[in-house]
Amino acid sequence: MIYPEKLRKGDKVAIISPATTVKREYVEGAAALLTRHGLKPVVMPSALGPASGTFAASEEDRLADLKNALHNPEVKAILCARGGYGCVHLLPHFSDEEIRENAKWIIGFSDISAFHALWHRAGVASIHGPMAKHMTLLGDDDPCTKALLDILQVNPEMDYHVAPHPFNRSGRATGRLLGGNLAVLNGLAATDLDMLTGLDPDGVILFLEDIAEPIYKVERVLYRLWLSGVLKRIRALVIGQFTEYNPTPNHSGMEEMIQALLVRLGIDNIPVVFNFPTGHVDYNLPLIEGDNVMLEVSESEVTLTSVPFTQPSDIPEDIKIREAQDMVDKWIRTIGGKYFSELTNMALLTEETGELARVIARVYGEQVAKEGDLRKSLGEEMADVFWVLTCLANQTGTDLTAEFMKSIQKKTTRDKDRFRK
């Protein structure tokens, strides 16, 4: 996972309106707040229109604003002025490599969850948090704005302590924090932008929020997550703010429905938090998408804190082949961001094998060795070959342990008497 660089005094922050129209005073208020904190806001050309229907600008203009903000090396973060429907229009126009090579924070919530899914696919952290209206109306002393600025300017870490809720389920879990607006993320199901899979080598702590969604629609999506195995895979569930909906004869409230659903489905082995401060409310804590966190739920308090990913010192001295495959997979997804394609890795395997052959030919063979060749480690070159081979095995679903044992058995059967006289 790539964490964008820390913002310093004088760094530029682009303000974009990638979806719905936004009031000028909110954009100007956010720009003024950023200025007061030593940053240089850059209101992108189409952030304030001209509007195209309900959209802040045409699709082409909204795309140009985001593209230009992403590619401008002087811009260190991108603040979305508002959510609202429209971000999905821009998703097909970005590649993972483009986002990784220009890694910078993107900030927002609600429909901005679509961009969090895009950044996550690319292996870059992002911030589900306050936008322009929040900054303008609540000002510099707002704790959520302060927390956002701390993430941007001090350390990309979270340390939150919130009040308990009667429906909470106690426990402790660690994993990658992923989630956002339920309707938006559910709309990306079965695509390579689907964040609602519950799949990650470090485990997933899933958080959800939404606005103006009827209770039965939320229940329908949660049933999908159950039937697809997601709710069985996650390590913890964080229910944020669900606002602007009406009670029904079946359920008095959203939280009551979710609590009853968890009981009905027998989900009782993971920590669950209700009423977490994230979503369409004033107390909207910024959450780092993709961060490794520890969630602790007790009767007196809920804490959510950033914790380090696996460090090199945690790597055992001796590992099995299957463990090596798991280790490479975890590294690729948490540090490398994602796998190269199988074709690219095949080319890299050819390259690494060539490097190994060159060292052997020049150090152990008759080819004249250059000074640089003498400094190369044969073991390092072999390890590079094994690394790429392991990537290919993971990508093709090959169990190297099983295949190696099959190969040993085949060779034993074939050659047991072959070299005996």
Protein backbone atom coordinates (compact mmCIF):
# COMPACT_ATOMS: atom_id res chain seq x y z
CA MET A 1 0.00 0.00 0.00
CA ILE A 2 1.40 3.38 -1.04
CA TYR A 3 0.83 6.24 1.39
CA PRO A 4 1.04 9.63 -0.36
CA GLU A 5 3.71 11.97 0.94
CA LYS A 6 3.10 14.33 3.84
CA LEU A 7 1.93 17.83 2.97
CA ARG A 8 4.24 20.68 3.91
CA LYS A 9 3.71 24.40 4.22
CA GLY A 10 3.04 25.88 0.82
CA ASP A 11 1.96 22.63 -0.82
CA LYS A 12 -0.94 22.86 -3.24
CA VAL A 13 -4.30 21.16 -2.71
CA ALA A 14 -6.59 20.90 -5.72
CA ILE A 15 -10.31 21.37 -5.11
CA ILE A 16 -12.51 19.54 -7.61
CA SER A 17 -16.24 18.92 -8.03
CA PRO A 18 -16.29 15.49 -9.68
CA ALA A 19 -20.01 14.87 -9.36
CA THR A 20 -22.88 17.14 -8.28
CA THR A 21 -22.98 20.95 -8.26
CA VAL A 22 -21.70 22.67 -5.13
CA LYS A 23 -22.28 26.12 -3.66
CA ARG A 24 -19.55 28.65 -4.38
CA GLU A 25 -19.38 29.68 -0.72
CA TYR A 26 -18.49 26.12 0.30
CA VAL A 27 -15.60 25.93 -2.15
CA GLU A 28 -14.36 29.36 -1.15
CA GLY A 29 -14.74 28.51 2.55
CA ALA A 30 -12.69 25.32 2.17
CA ALA A 31 -10.03 27.22 0.22
CA ALA A 32 -9.82 29.83 2.98
CA LEU A 33 -9.45 27.15 5.66
CA LEU A 34 -6.64 25.41 3.78
CA THR A 35 -4.89 28.75 3.35
CA ARG A 36 -5.08 29.42 7.09
CA HIS A 37 -3.28 26.13 7.66
CA GLY A 38 -0.36 26.95 5.40
CA LEU A 39 -1.55 25.19 2.25
CA LYS A 40 -2.25 26.64 -1.19
CA PRO A 41 -5.69 25.74 -2.51
CA VAL A 42 -6.09 25.46 -6.28
CA VAL A 43 -9.74 25.64 -7.33
CA MET A 44 -9.80 23.67 -10.55
CA PRO A 45 -11.38 25.35 -13.60
CA SER A 46 -14.66 23.42 -13.60
CA ALA A 47 -15.15 23.07 -9.84
CA LEU A 48 -17.75 25.84 -9.95
CA GLY A 49 -19.24 25.05 -13.33
CA PRO A 50 -20.69 25.77 -15.74
CA ALA A 51 -23.13 23.14 -14.54
CA SER A 52 -24.43 20.38 -16.79
CA GLY A 53 -27.84 19.42 -15.43
CA THR A 54 -27.29 18.26 -11.86
CA PHE A 55 -23.58 17.75 -12.50
CA ALA A 56 -21.00 20.35 -11.53
CA ALA A 57 -19.77 20.43 -15.12
CA SER A 58 -19.72 18.27 -18.21
CA GLU A 59 -18.16 14.82 -17.94
CA GLU A 60 -15.23 15.98 -20.07
CA ASP A 61 -14.57 19.01 -17.85
CA ARG A 62 -14.88 17.06 -14.60
CA LEU A 63 -12.50 14.46 -16.00
CA ALA A 64 -10.02 17.12 -17.09
CA ASP A 65 -10.01 18.64 -13.60
CA LEU A 66 -9.23 15.32 -11.93
CA LYS A 67 -6.66 14.33 -14.56
CA ASN A 68 -4.85 17.66 -14.33
CA ALA A 69 -4.87 17.61 -10.52
CA LEU A 70 -3.51 14.06 -10.48
CA HIS A 71 -0.73 14.74 -12.97
CA ASN A 72 0.35 18.14 -11.59
CA PRO A 73 3.48 17.41 -9.50
CA GLU A 74 2.91 20.57 -7.45
CA VAL A 75 -0.50 19.31 -6.26
CA LYS A 76 -0.04 17.07 -3.24
CA ALA A 77 -3.68 16.29 -2.40
CA ILE A 78 -7.09 16.41 -4.06
CA LEU A 79 -10.09 17.60 -2.04
CA CYS A 80 -13.47 16.73 -3.47
CA ALA A 81 -15.83 19.63 -2.81
CA ARG A 82 -18.94 17.45 -2.77
CA GLY A 83 -20.21 13.97 -3.55
CA GLY A 84 -23.54 13.31 -5.19
CA TYR A 85 -23.95 11.06 -8.21
CA GLY A 86 -21.41 11.35 -11.03
CA CYS A 87 -18.02 9.99 -9.99
CA VAL A 88 -18.66 6.68 -11.73
CA HIS A 89 -18.49 8.48 -15.09
CA LEU A 90 -14.78 9.12 -14.58
CA LEU A 91 -13.65 5.68 -13.40
CA PRO A 92 -12.95 4.09 -16.81
CA HIS A 93 -10.46 6.82 -17.71
CA PHE A 94 -7.78 5.96 -15.12
CA SER A 95 -5.24 3.14 -14.95
CA ASP A 96 -3.68 1.75 -11.80
CA GLU A 97 -0.22 2.71 -13.03
CA GLU A 98 -1.35 6.29 -13.56
CA ILE A 99 -2.58 6.59 -9.99
CA ARG A 100 0.45 4.85 -8.46
CA GLU A 101 2.93 6.95 -10.42
CA ASN A 102 1.17 10.13 -9.25
CA ALA A 103 0.20 8.92 -5.79
CA LYS A 104 -1.51 11.66 -3.79
CA TRP A 105 -4.30 11.83 -1.27
CA ILE A 106 -7.87 12.05 -2.54
CA ILE A 107 -10.35 13.18 0.10
CA GLY A 108 -14.11 12.87 0.38
CA PHE A 109 -17.01 10.54 1.18
CA SER A 110 -20.44 9.56 -0.11
CA ASP A 111 -20.17 9.18 -3.91
CA ILE A 112 -16.41 9.77 -3.58
CA SER A 113 -16.32 6.15 -2.40
CA ALA A 114 -16.05 5.31 -6.11
CA PHE A 115 -12.64 7.01 -6.15
CA HIS A 116 -11.61 5.22 -2.97
CA ALA A 117 -12.31 1.97 -4.81
CA LEU A 118 -10.19 3.20 -7.72
CA TRP A 119 -7.31 4.23 -5.47
CA HIS A 120 -7.53 0.95 -3.56
CA ARG A 121 -7.32 -1.10 -6.75
CA ALA A 122 -4.16 0.85 -7.58
CA GLY A 123 -2.74 0.18 -4.11
CA VAL A 124 -2.79 3.81 -2.93
CA ALA A 125 -4.28 4.95 0.38
CA SER A 126 -7.04 7.57 0.38
CA ILE A 127 -9.15 9.45 2.93
CA HIS A 128 -12.87 8.92 3.51
CA GLY A 129 -13.56 12.21 5.22
CA PRO A 130 -14.92 15.77 5.38
CA MET A 131 -15.42 17.91 2.29
CA ALA A 132 -15.96 21.59 1.50
CA LYS A 133 -19.33 22.15 3.20
CA HIS A 134 -18.08 20.57 6.41
CA MET A 135 -14.94 22.71 6.45
CA THR A 136 -16.86 25.92 5.72
CA LEU A 137 -19.68 25.52 8.21
CA LEU A 138 -17.78 23.90 11.09
CA GLY A 139 -14.50 25.77 10.78
CA ASP A 140 -10.98 25.31 12.06
CA ASP A 141 -11.88 24.07 15.54
CA ASP A 142 -13.93 21.14 14.30
CA PRO A 143 -12.31 17.90 15.58
CA CYS A 144 -12.87 16.07 12.29
CA THR A 145 -11.20 18.80 10.25
CA LYS A 146 -8.32 18.82 12.73
CA ALA A 147 -7.98 15.05 12.41
CA LEU A 148 -7.96 15.37 8.61
CA LEU A 149 -5.22 18.00 8.68
CA ASP A 150 -3.18 15.85 11.07
CA ILE A 151 -3.36 12.92 8.63
CA LEU A 152 -2.31 15.18 5.77
CA GLN A 153 0.37 17.25 7.50
CA VAL A 154 1.65 15.23 10.47
CA ASN A 155 1.20 11.43 10.26
CA PRO A 156 -1.14 9.19 8.26
CA GLU A 157 -2.45 7.56 11.42
CA MET A 158 -5.73 7.26 13.29
CA ASP A 159 -6.36 6.99 17.01
CA TYR A 160 -10.08 7.32 17.67
CA HIS A 161 -12.06 6.67 20.82
CA VAL A 162 -15.84 6.73 20.58
CA ALA A 163 -18.77 5.99 22.87
CA PRO A 164 -20.26 2.48 23.03
CA HIS A 165 -23.66 1.47 21.65
CA PRO A 166 -26.09 -1.08 23.13
CA PHE A 167 -25.94 -3.21 19.97
CA ASN A 168 -22.13 -3.40 19.89
CA ARG A 169 -20.44 -6.78 20.06
CA SER A 170 -17.23 -6.82 22.05
CA GLY A 171 -13.94 -8.10 20.75
CA ARG A 172 -10.68 -7.17 19.10
CA ALA A 173 -9.65 -7.45 15.46
CA THR A 174 -6.89 -6.23 13.19
CA GLY A 175 -7.08 -5.84 9.45
CA ARG A 176 -7.23 -3.49 6.52
CA LEU A 177 -9.86 -0.77 6.89
CA LEU A 178 -12.06 -0.69 3.79
CA GLY A 179 -15.52 0.59 3.01
CA GLY A 180 -17.58 3.70 2.51
CA ASN A 181 -20.96 4.46 1.00
CA LEU A 182 -22.89 1.21 0.76
CA ALA A 183 -24.97 2.04 -2.33
CA VAL A 184 -21.98 3.35 -4.28
CA LEU A 185 -19.74 0.40 -3.44
CA ASN A 186 -22.52 -2.09 -4.08
CA GLY A 187 -22.85 -0.56 -7.54
CA LEU A 188 -19.28 -1.70 -8.24
CA ALA A 189 -19.96 -5.33 -7.32
CA ALA A 190 -18.52 -7.99 -9.66
CA THR A 191 -16.05 -5.50 -11.13
CA ASP A 192 -12.33 -5.15 -10.46
CA LEU A 193 -13.23 -2.11 -8.33
CA ASP A 194 -15.31 -4.16 -5.89
CA MET A 195 -14.18 -3.31 -2.35
CA LEU A 196 -16.97 -5.33 -0.74
CA THR A 197 -15.26 -8.70 -1.10
CA GLY A 198 -13.84 -9.18 2.38
CA LEU A 199 -10.69 -10.52 0.74
CA ASP A 200 -7.25 -9.34 1.83
CA PRO A 201 -4.18 -11.19 3.17
CA ASP A 202 -4.31 -9.02 6.30
CA GLY A 203 -8.04 -9.47 6.76
CA VAL A 204 -10.70 -6.77 6.35
CA ILE A 205 -12.42 -4.47 8.81
CA LEU A 206 -15.43 -3.27 6.83
CA PHE A 207 -17.13 0.08 7.49
CA LEU A 208 -20.39 1.21 5.89
CA GLU A 209 -22.48 4.38 5.73
CA ASP A 210 -25.28 5.78 3.57
CA ILE A 211 -27.94 8.44 3.16
CA ALA A 212 -31.57 8.33 1.99
CA GLU A 213 -31.53 4.57 1.42
CA PRO A 214 -34.71 2.75 2.51
CA ILE A 215 -34.23 0.12 5.17
CA TYR A 216 -35.23 -2.72 2.89
CA LYS A 217 -32.64 -1.74 0.27
CA VAL A 218 -29.85 -1.78 2.85
CA GLU A 219 -31.09 -5.16 4.08
CA ARG A 220 -31.06 -6.45 0.50
CA VAL A 221 -27.42 -5.47 0.03
CA LEU A 222 -26.43 -6.99 3.37
CA TYR A 223 -28.08 -10.23 2.33
CA ARG A 224 -26.01 -10.16 -0.85
CA LEU A 225 -22.87 -9.72 1.21
CA TRP A 226 -23.91 -12.71 3.33
CA LEU A 227 -24.80 -14.95 0.40
CA SER A 228 -21.55 -14.11 -1.39
CA GLY A 229 -19.52 -14.95 1.72
CA VAL A 230 -18.31 -11.44 2.48
CA LEU A 231 -19.83 -11.22 5.96
CA LYS A 232 -18.28 -14.60 6.75
CA ARG A 233 -14.80 -13.44 5.73
CA ILE A 234 -14.47 -10.03 7.36
CA ARG A 235 -12.80 -9.70 10.75
CA ALA A 236 -15.02 -6.89 12.05
CA LEU A 237 -17.98 -4.77 10.95
CA VAL A 238 -18.32 -1.03 11.59
CA ILE A 239 -21.77 0.43 11.02
CA GLY A 240 -21.46 4.17 10.43
CA GLN A 241 -24.21 6.72 10.01
CA PHE A 242 -27.33 5.86 8.02
CA THR A 243 -29.35 9.05 7.68
CA GLU A 244 -32.49 10.46 6.04
CA TYR A 245 -34.63 7.34 5.87
CA ASN A 246 -38.05 6.46 7.28
CA PRO A 247 -39.03 3.72 9.73
CA THR A 248 -41.21 0.92 8.36
CA PRO A 249 -43.75 -1.51 9.83
CA ASN A 250 -40.99 -4.12 9.75
CA HIS A 251 -38.22 -2.12 11.40
CA SER A 252 -38.19 0.93 13.62
CA GLY A 253 -34.70 1.91 12.51
CA MET A 254 -31.70 0.94 10.41
CA GLU A 255 -29.59 -0.19 13.34
CA GLU A 256 -32.41 -2.32 14.72
CA MET A 257 -32.72 -4.02 11.31
CA ILE A 258 -28.98 -4.68 11.06
CA GLN A 259 -28.81 -6.03 14.59
CA ALA A 260 -31.71 -8.40 13.93
CA LEU A 261 -30.15 -9.48 10.63
CA LEU A 262 -26.84 -10.35 12.30
CA VAL A 263 -28.68 -12.46 14.86
CA ARG A 264 -30.77 -14.17 12.19
CA LEU A 265 -27.69 -15.01 10.13
CA GLY A 266 -25.72 -16.21 13.14
CA ILE A 267 -22.92 -13.68 12.76
CA ASP A 268 -21.65 -13.69 16.32
CA ASN A 269 -17.92 -14.35 16.04
CA ILE A 270 -16.63 -10.88 15.09
CA PRO A 271 -16.61 -7.46 16.77
CA VAL A 272 -19.42 -5.20 15.54
CA VAL A 273 -19.72 -1.45 16.09
CA PHE A 274 -22.88 0.60 15.67
CA ASN A 275 -23.24 4.38 15.39
CA PHE A 276 -19.60 4.97 14.43
CA PRO A 277 -19.04 8.64 13.48
CA THR A 278 -18.58 8.37 9.73
CA GLY A 279 -21.00 9.48 7.04
CA HIS A 280 -23.43 12.32 6.36
CA VAL A 281 -23.21 13.94 9.80
CA ASP A 282 -21.22 16.76 11.35
CA TYR A 283 -19.10 14.37 13.41
CA ASN A 284 -17.53 12.62 10.42
CA LEU A 285 -14.12 11.28 11.37
CA PRO A 286 -11.63 10.89 8.51
CA LEU A 287 -10.82 7.23 7.85
CA ILE A 288 -7.74 6.10 5.93
CA GLU A 289 -8.87 3.62 3.30
CA GLY A 290 -6.46 0.69 3.11
CA ASP A 291 -4.79 1.41 6.45
CA ASN A 292 -3.99 -1.46 8.78
CA VAL A 293 -5.95 -0.92 11.99
CA MET A 294 -6.85 -2.47 15.31
CA LEU A 295 -10.46 -2.27 16.40
CA GLU A 296 -11.22 -2.86 20.07
CA VAL A 297 -14.82 -2.98 21.23
CA SER A 298 -15.68 -3.10 24.91
CA GLU A 299 -18.69 -2.22 27.00
CA SER A 300 -17.17 1.16 27.87
CA GLU A 301 -15.47 2.29 24.65
CA VAL A 302 -14.66 1.68 21.01
CA THR A 303 -11.12 2.38 19.82
CA LEU A 304 -9.85 2.39 16.25
CA THR A 305 -6.10 2.81 15.88
CA SER A 306 -3.57 2.48 13.09
CA VAL A 307 -1.07 -0.35 13.56
CA PRO A 308 1.99 -1.26 11.47
CA PHE A 309 1.83 -3.84 8.72
CA THR A 310 4.04 -6.91 9.03
CA GLN A 311 7.67 -5.82 9.38
CA PRO A 312 10.71 -7.66 7.98
CA SER A 313 11.68 -8.74 11.50
CA ASP A 314 8.47 -10.74 11.61
CA ILE A 315 9.57 -12.93 8.71
CA PRO A 316 10.62 -16.39 9.95
CA GLU A 317 14.08 -17.72 9.13
CA ASP A 318 12.75 -20.97 7.65
CA ILE A 319 9.60 -21.21 5.58
CA LYS A 320 7.84 -23.80 3.47
CA ILE A 321 7.12 -23.28 -0.22
CA ARG A 322 3.44 -22.74 0.46
CA GLU A 323 4.31 -20.19 3.13
CA ALA A 324 6.57 -18.44 0.64
CA GLN A 325 3.65 -18.21 -1.80
CA ASP A 326 1.47 -16.68 0.92
CA MET A 327 4.23 -14.26 1.91
CA VAL A 328 4.75 -13.05 -1.66
CA ASP A 329 1.00 -12.63 -2.14
CA LYS A 330 0.72 -10.59 1.05
CA TRP A 331 3.66 -8.39 0.07
CA ILE A 332 2.27 -7.76 -3.41
CA ARG A 333 -1.13 -6.70 -2.10
CA THR A 334 -0.03 -4.66 0.90
CA ILE A 335 3.23 -3.06 -0.24
CA GLY A 336 3.50 -3.61 -3.97
CA GLY A 337 -0.12 -2.59 -4.54
CA LYS A 338 -1.08 -5.27 -7.07
CA TYR A 339 0.39 -7.94 -9.33
CA PHE A 340 1.80 -7.13 -12.73
CA SER A 341 -0.05 -9.01 -15.45
CA GLU A 342 0.91 -12.63 -16.11
CA LEU A 343 2.47 -11.58 -19.43
CA THR A 344 4.58 -8.91 -17.75
CA ASN A 345 5.71 -11.33 -15.05
CA MET A 346 6.63 -13.89 -17.70
CA ALA A 347 8.85 -11.27 -19.35
CA LEU A 348 10.35 -10.42 -15.94
CA LEU A 349 11.02 -14.12 -15.29
CA THR A 350 12.90 -14.27 -18.58
CA GLU A 351 14.87 -11.16 -17.62
CA GLU A 352 15.74 -12.45 -14.14
CA THR A 353 16.78 -15.84 -15.54
CA GLY A 354 19.02 -14.02 -17.98
CA GLU A 355 20.62 -12.07 -15.13
CA LEU A 356 21.29 -15.32 -13.29
CA ALA A 357 22.80 -16.89 -16.42
CA ARG A 358 25.03 -13.86 -16.99
CA VAL A 359 26.44 -13.96 -13.46
CA ILE A 360 27.13 -17.72 -13.68
CA ALA A 361 28.76 -17.37 -17.11
CA ARG A 362 31.04 -14.54 -15.98
CA VAL A 363 31.86 -15.67 -12.46
CA TYR A 364 31.86 -19.46 -12.85
CA GLY A 365 32.25 -19.83 -16.61
CA GLU A 366 34.81 -18.66 -19.14
CA GLN A 367 33.25 -15.31 -20.03
CA VAL A 368 35.27 -12.33 -18.82
CA ALA A 369 33.77 -10.97 -15.62
CA LYS A 370 33.34 -7.24 -15.17
CA GLU A 371 33.75 -5.53 -11.81
CA GLY A 372 29.98 -5.14 -11.44
CA ASP A 373 29.43 -8.85 -12.00
CA LEU A 374 31.80 -9.72 -9.17
CA ARG A 375 29.68 -7.66 -6.78
CA LYS A 376 26.49 -9.50 -7.69
CA SER A 377 25.22 -12.21 -5.38
CA LEU A 378 24.33 -15.49 -7.03
CA GLY A 379 21.85 -16.13 -4.23
CA GLU A 380 20.19 -12.78 -4.82
CA GLU A 381 19.75 -13.54 -8.51
CA MET A 382 18.27 -16.95 -7.68
CA ALA A 383 15.92 -15.33 -5.18
CA ASP A 384 14.74 -12.88 -7.84
CA VAL A 385 13.94 -15.78 -10.18
CA PHE A 386 12.07 -17.59 -7.38
CA TRP A 387 10.13 -14.40 -6.53
CA VAL A 388 8.77 -13.87 -10.03
CA LEU A 389 8.08 -17.60 -10.45
CA THR A 390 6.11 -17.49 -7.20
CA CYS A 391 4.10 -14.51 -8.48
CA LEU A 392 3.17 -16.47 -11.57
CA ALA A 393 2.21 -19.49 -9.47
CA ASN A 394 -0.07 -17.32 -7.32
CA GLN A 395 -1.67 -15.71 -10.35
CA THR A 396 -2.38 -19.02 -12.05
CA GLY A 397 -3.60 -20.80 -8.92
CA THR A 398 -0.65 -23.19 -8.87
CA ASP A 399 0.27 -24.87 -5.58
CA LEU A 400 4.05 -25.15 -5.91
CA THR A 401 4.30 -27.54 -2.97
CA ALA A 402 1.85 -30.01 -4.52
CA GLU A 403 3.43 -29.70 -7.96
CA PHE A 404 6.94 -30.12 -6.57
CA MET A 405 5.93 -33.30 -4.76
CA LYS A 406 4.31 -34.61 -7.95
CA SER A 407 7.52 -33.86 -9.82
CA ILE A 408 9.62 -35.70 -7.23
CA GLN A 409 7.32 -38.71 -7.46
CA LYS A 410 7.42 -38.71 -11.26
CA LYS A 411 11.20 -38.47 -11.34
CA THR A 412 11.52 -41.19 -8.73
CA THR A 413 9.32 -43.58 -10.69
CA ARG A 414 11.05 -42.76 -13.96
CA ASP A 415 14.67 -42.66 -12.83
CA LYS A 416 14.97 -44.99 -9.82
CA ASP A 417 16.85 -47.61 -11.88
CA ARG A 418 17.95 -45.39 -14.74
CA PHE A 419 21.45 -44.61 -13.44
CA ARG A 420 22.10 -47.87 -11.60
CA LYS A 421 24.28 -50.61 -13.06
